[in-house]
Every structure is written in C-alpha cells, then in structure tokens.
Protein backbone atom coordinates (compact mmCIF):
# COMPACT_ATOMS: atom_id res chain seq x y z
CA UNK A 1 96.43 111.78 93.99
CA UNK A 2 93.58 113.51 92.61
CA UNK A 3 92.23 110.23 91.17
CA UNK A 4 92.59 109.16 94.93
CA UNK A 5 90.56 111.31 96.45
CA UNK A 6 87.93 111.26 93.64
CA UNK A 7 87.71 107.38 94.11
CA UNK A 8 87.23 108.01 97.83
CA UNK A 9 84.48 110.79 97.41
CA UNK A 10 82.74 108.98 94.86
CA UNK A 11 82.80 105.32 97.29
CA UNK A 12 81.69 107.57 100.42
CA UNK A 13 78.79 109.26 98.03
CA UNK A 14 78.02 106.04 96.75
CA UNK A 15 77.27 104.42 100.27
CA UNK A 16 73.82 106.38 99.95
CA UNK A 17 71.86 108.98 102.12
CA UNK A 18 70.07 107.09 104.85
CA UNK A 19 68.69 108.58 108.33
CA UNK A 20 71.81 108.37 110.87
CA UNK A 21 72.54 109.64 114.05
CA UNK A 22 76.09 110.89 114.58
CA UNK A 23 75.19 112.50 117.67
CA UNK A 24 78.43 111.63 119.77
CA UNK A 25 77.76 109.73 123.09
CA UNK A 26 79.72 108.16 125.71
CA UNK A 27 80.99 104.35 125.09
CA UNK A 28 80.83 105.59 121.37
CA UNK A 29 83.87 103.48 119.28
CA UNK A 30 85.24 105.99 116.31
CA UNK A 31 87.34 104.71 113.62
CA UNK A 32 88.97 107.22 110.87
CA UNK A 33 90.72 105.71 107.97
CA UNK A 34 92.31 108.77 105.79
CA UNK A 35 94.91 110.01 103.37
CA UNK A 36 96.35 113.25 103.93
CA UNK A 37 95.31 115.40 100.66
CA UNK A 38 97.90 118.43 101.79
CA UNK A 39 101.68 116.93 103.67
CA UNK A 40 104.87 118.75 104.86
CA UNK A 41 106.96 116.47 103.28
CA UNK A 42 107.23 116.61 99.30
CA UNK A 43 106.06 113.45 97.36
CA UNK A 44 104.01 110.65 98.85
CA UNK A 45 100.65 110.35 99.98
CA UNK A 46 99.98 110.15 103.71
CA UNK A 47 98.12 107.21 104.81
CA UNK A 48 96.26 107.54 108.37
CA UNK A 49 94.43 105.73 110.84
CA UNK A 50 92.66 106.92 114.21
CA UNK A 51 90.83 105.09 116.54
CA UNK A 52 89.21 107.29 119.60
CA UNK A 53 86.71 105.66 122.43
CA UNK A 54 83.86 107.80 124.31
CA UNK A 55 84.63 108.24 127.89
CA UNK A 56 82.44 110.97 128.66
CA UNK A 57 79.05 112.57 126.71
CA UNK A 58 81.57 115.04 125.32
CA UNK A 59 85.25 113.47 125.54
CA UNK A 60 86.78 110.65 123.60
CA UNK A 61 90.47 109.70 123.86
CA UNK A 62 92.27 106.54 121.93
CA UNK A 63 95.42 106.41 119.32
CA UNK A 64 96.38 107.51 115.93
CA UNK A 65 99.01 106.40 113.45
CA UNK A 66 100.31 107.45 110.15
CA UNK A 67 102.25 106.89 107.30
CA UNK A 68 104.07 108.53 104.32
CA UNK A 69 107.10 107.21 102.21
CA UNK A 70 108.51 108.54 99.34
CA UNK A 71 111.82 107.69 97.09
CA UNK A 72 112.63 110.85 95.15
CA UNK A 73 115.39 108.47 92.60
CA UNK A 74 117.12 104.85 92.78
CA UNK A 75 119.42 106.56 95.90
CA UNK A 76 117.20 109.04 97.88
CA UNK A 77 114.22 107.81 100.08
CA UNK A 78 112.78 108.85 102.96
CA UNK A 79 109.79 107.47 105.36
CA UNK A 80 107.80 109.09 108.35
CA UNK A 81 105.82 107.52 110.87
CA UNK A 82 103.79 109.38 113.56
CA UNK A 83 102.33 107.48 116.69
CA UNK A 84 100.57 109.00 119.08
CA UNK A 85 97.70 108.96 121.86
CA UNK A 86 94.75 111.72 120.79
CA UNK A 87 91.94 113.27 122.48
CA UNK A 88 89.13 115.19 121.29
CA UNK A 89 85.88 116.85 122.58
CA UNK A 90 82.76 116.83 120.19
CA UNK A 91 80.79 120.27 120.10
CA UNK A 92 77.57 118.54 119.59
CA UNK A 93 75.77 118.84 123.01
CA UNK A 94 77.75 122.63 123.44
CA UNK A 95 76.58 124.21 120.22
CA UNK A 96 73.15 121.78 119.84
CA UNK A 97 73.10 121.72 116.17
CA UNK A 98 70.36 120.28 114.09
CA UNK A 99 72.04 117.98 112.01
CA UNK A 100 71.76 114.39 113.20
CA UNK A 101 74.38 113.24 110.93
CA UNK A 102 76.92 115.68 111.87
CA UNK A 103 79.77 115.31 114.42
CA UNK A 104 82.12 118.02 114.85
CA UNK A 105 85.25 117.71 117.22
CA UNK A 106 88.76 119.29 117.88
CA UNK A 107 91.40 118.23 120.14
CA UNK A 108 94.99 117.41 120.49
CA UNK A 109 97.91 114.20 119.98
CA UNK A 110 100.93 113.93 121.77
CA UNK A 111 103.02 110.99 120.00
CA UNK A 112 106.38 109.82 118.70
CA UNK A 113 107.78 110.77 115.20
CA UNK A 114 110.29 108.65 113.66
CA UNK A 115 111.62 110.54 110.65
CA UNK A 116 114.14 108.34 108.29
CA UNK A 117 115.98 109.62 105.37
CA UNK A 118 118.77 107.95 102.92
CA UNK A 119 120.53 108.87 100.18
CA UNK A 120 123.01 106.89 99.31
CA UNK A 121 125.20 109.65 97.05
CA UNK A 122 125.74 111.39 100.32
CA UNK A 123 127.67 109.63 102.87
CA UNK A 124 126.77 110.17 106.70
CA UNK A 125 123.18 111.46 105.86
CA UNK A 126 121.02 111.46 109.14
CA UNK A 127 119.18 108.39 109.13
CA UNK A 128 116.69 109.37 111.96
CA UNK A 129 116.60 113.08 111.48
CA UNK A 130 113.92 114.70 112.94
CA UNK A 131 113.03 111.89 115.27
CA UNK A 132 111.30 112.56 118.78
CA UNK A 133 108.36 113.89 120.88
CA UNK A 134 105.53 115.68 118.63
CA UNK A 135 102.54 117.73 119.66
CA UNK A 136 99.62 118.19 117.80
CA UNK A 137 96.35 119.58 117.19
CA UNK A 138 93.29 118.85 114.99
CA UNK A 139 89.96 120.27 114.06
CA UNK A 140 87.28 117.70 112.22
CA UNK A 141 84.44 116.68 111.19
CA UNK A 142 82.15 113.44 110.23
CA UNK A 143 79.21 113.43 108.14
CA UNK A 144 77.27 110.22 108.78
CA UNK A 145 75.69 108.58 105.50
CA UNK A 146 74.18 105.30 107.41
CA UNK A 147 74.24 104.96 111.17
CA UNK A 148 78.01 103.56 111.29
CA UNK A 149 79.56 104.66 108.27
CA UNK A 150 80.50 108.30 106.91
CA UNK A 151 83.03 110.39 105.60
CA UNK A 152 85.63 112.97 107.66
CA UNK A 153 87.62 115.82 106.96
CA UNK A 154 90.70 116.87 109.43
CA UNK A 155 92.68 119.97 109.87
CA UNK A 156 95.52 120.30 111.87
CA UNK A 157 99.12 119.41 112.65
CA UNK A 158 98.69 115.45 113.93
CA UNK A 159 100.86 113.69 111.72
CA UNK A 160 102.56 114.01 108.65
CA UNK A 161 100.00 116.36 106.94
CA UNK A 162 97.84 119.21 107.99
CA UNK A 163 94.68 118.12 105.98
CA UNK A 164 93.09 114.58 105.67
CA UNK A 165 89.92 112.94 104.11
CA UNK A 166 88.51 109.46 104.58
CA UNK A 167 86.08 106.97 105.74
CA UNK A 168 84.40 106.97 109.35
CA UNK A 169 83.00 104.38 111.09
CA UNK A 170 81.19 104.07 114.19
CA UNK A 171 80.58 101.16 116.43
C-alpha cells in the first residue's frame, strides 16, 4: 500500500510544474482516478473513479464508481461496489484564493452499494450483506501541475474509504 502511494506521488511530481489554470468554469469535464488510503473494511485497496461536468461556474454533477475486494484466506472473501451520482460545489469564486492551480470543492453522493461476503466454512453466510442505497459526502482539492493534469485528495464518506488520492484530469 505504501509503495503504491509513493509511486503515485512520484508520478505526479514527475509531471513537472507548469503554469496551469485550475479555476473551475462552466463546461469543464473533470475526471479523478484514485486509490483509497484508508478503508472502512480491513484488507484490500479501494479503487475509485469519478467524473463530473460543470453545469454552472460553481456547480458540477456526475457519477462515481468505487471497487474493493479482498480474500482473507482460501475460504473467505468479500467485495464492495459503490455506484452513485455526485454533485460538487467549487469554492474558488466564493473565497477568491490566489492559487490558480488549486480547485477546492465539497459535495454529496447518492447511490447504490453492493456488498457481498462469502465464507465457504460458514454455510448460509449472507451473499449481499449491507447492500442498498447510500448517501455520502466529500470535501476535496485538486492541484494542477499542467493545465489539464494534476493530483487530488478527497476526504469523506462516498465509497469504500474515507480518504482517497490520485490523478485528476480536466478537459
């Protein structure tokens, strides 16, 4: 896990610093691809992807997908899939910070969680334990090293973990 985080950070830094404008605007398309650095479930590394489209100068809407799977031994394993609609408010115009490369945002997610657990040593253990609707919230920041590539960090409950970092794209 630490090696994966280190590789991701080194990769982002190696992109180099370049003048970029991350001020969120209407019509922007945002894509985050990341890993969970703190999971609600023991074992496994949460993977996530989210996409949002700017519908106003401050608001974006889109969708997110998280996946986590772990095998405890030859008999027990679980997986969690979160699929949801998300919306974010971008604070750049509200607080008028002076860092052009920085995009600060917060928002909510409404979606469906499919959680499955299987242990062949315990007959009848639930196949879809904990599945159903979920409501999540997030707060995050993107820092763009180039006009359309940067890094992001998000905190909150919107998938299989409560902290995530990764690569951010704006197009």
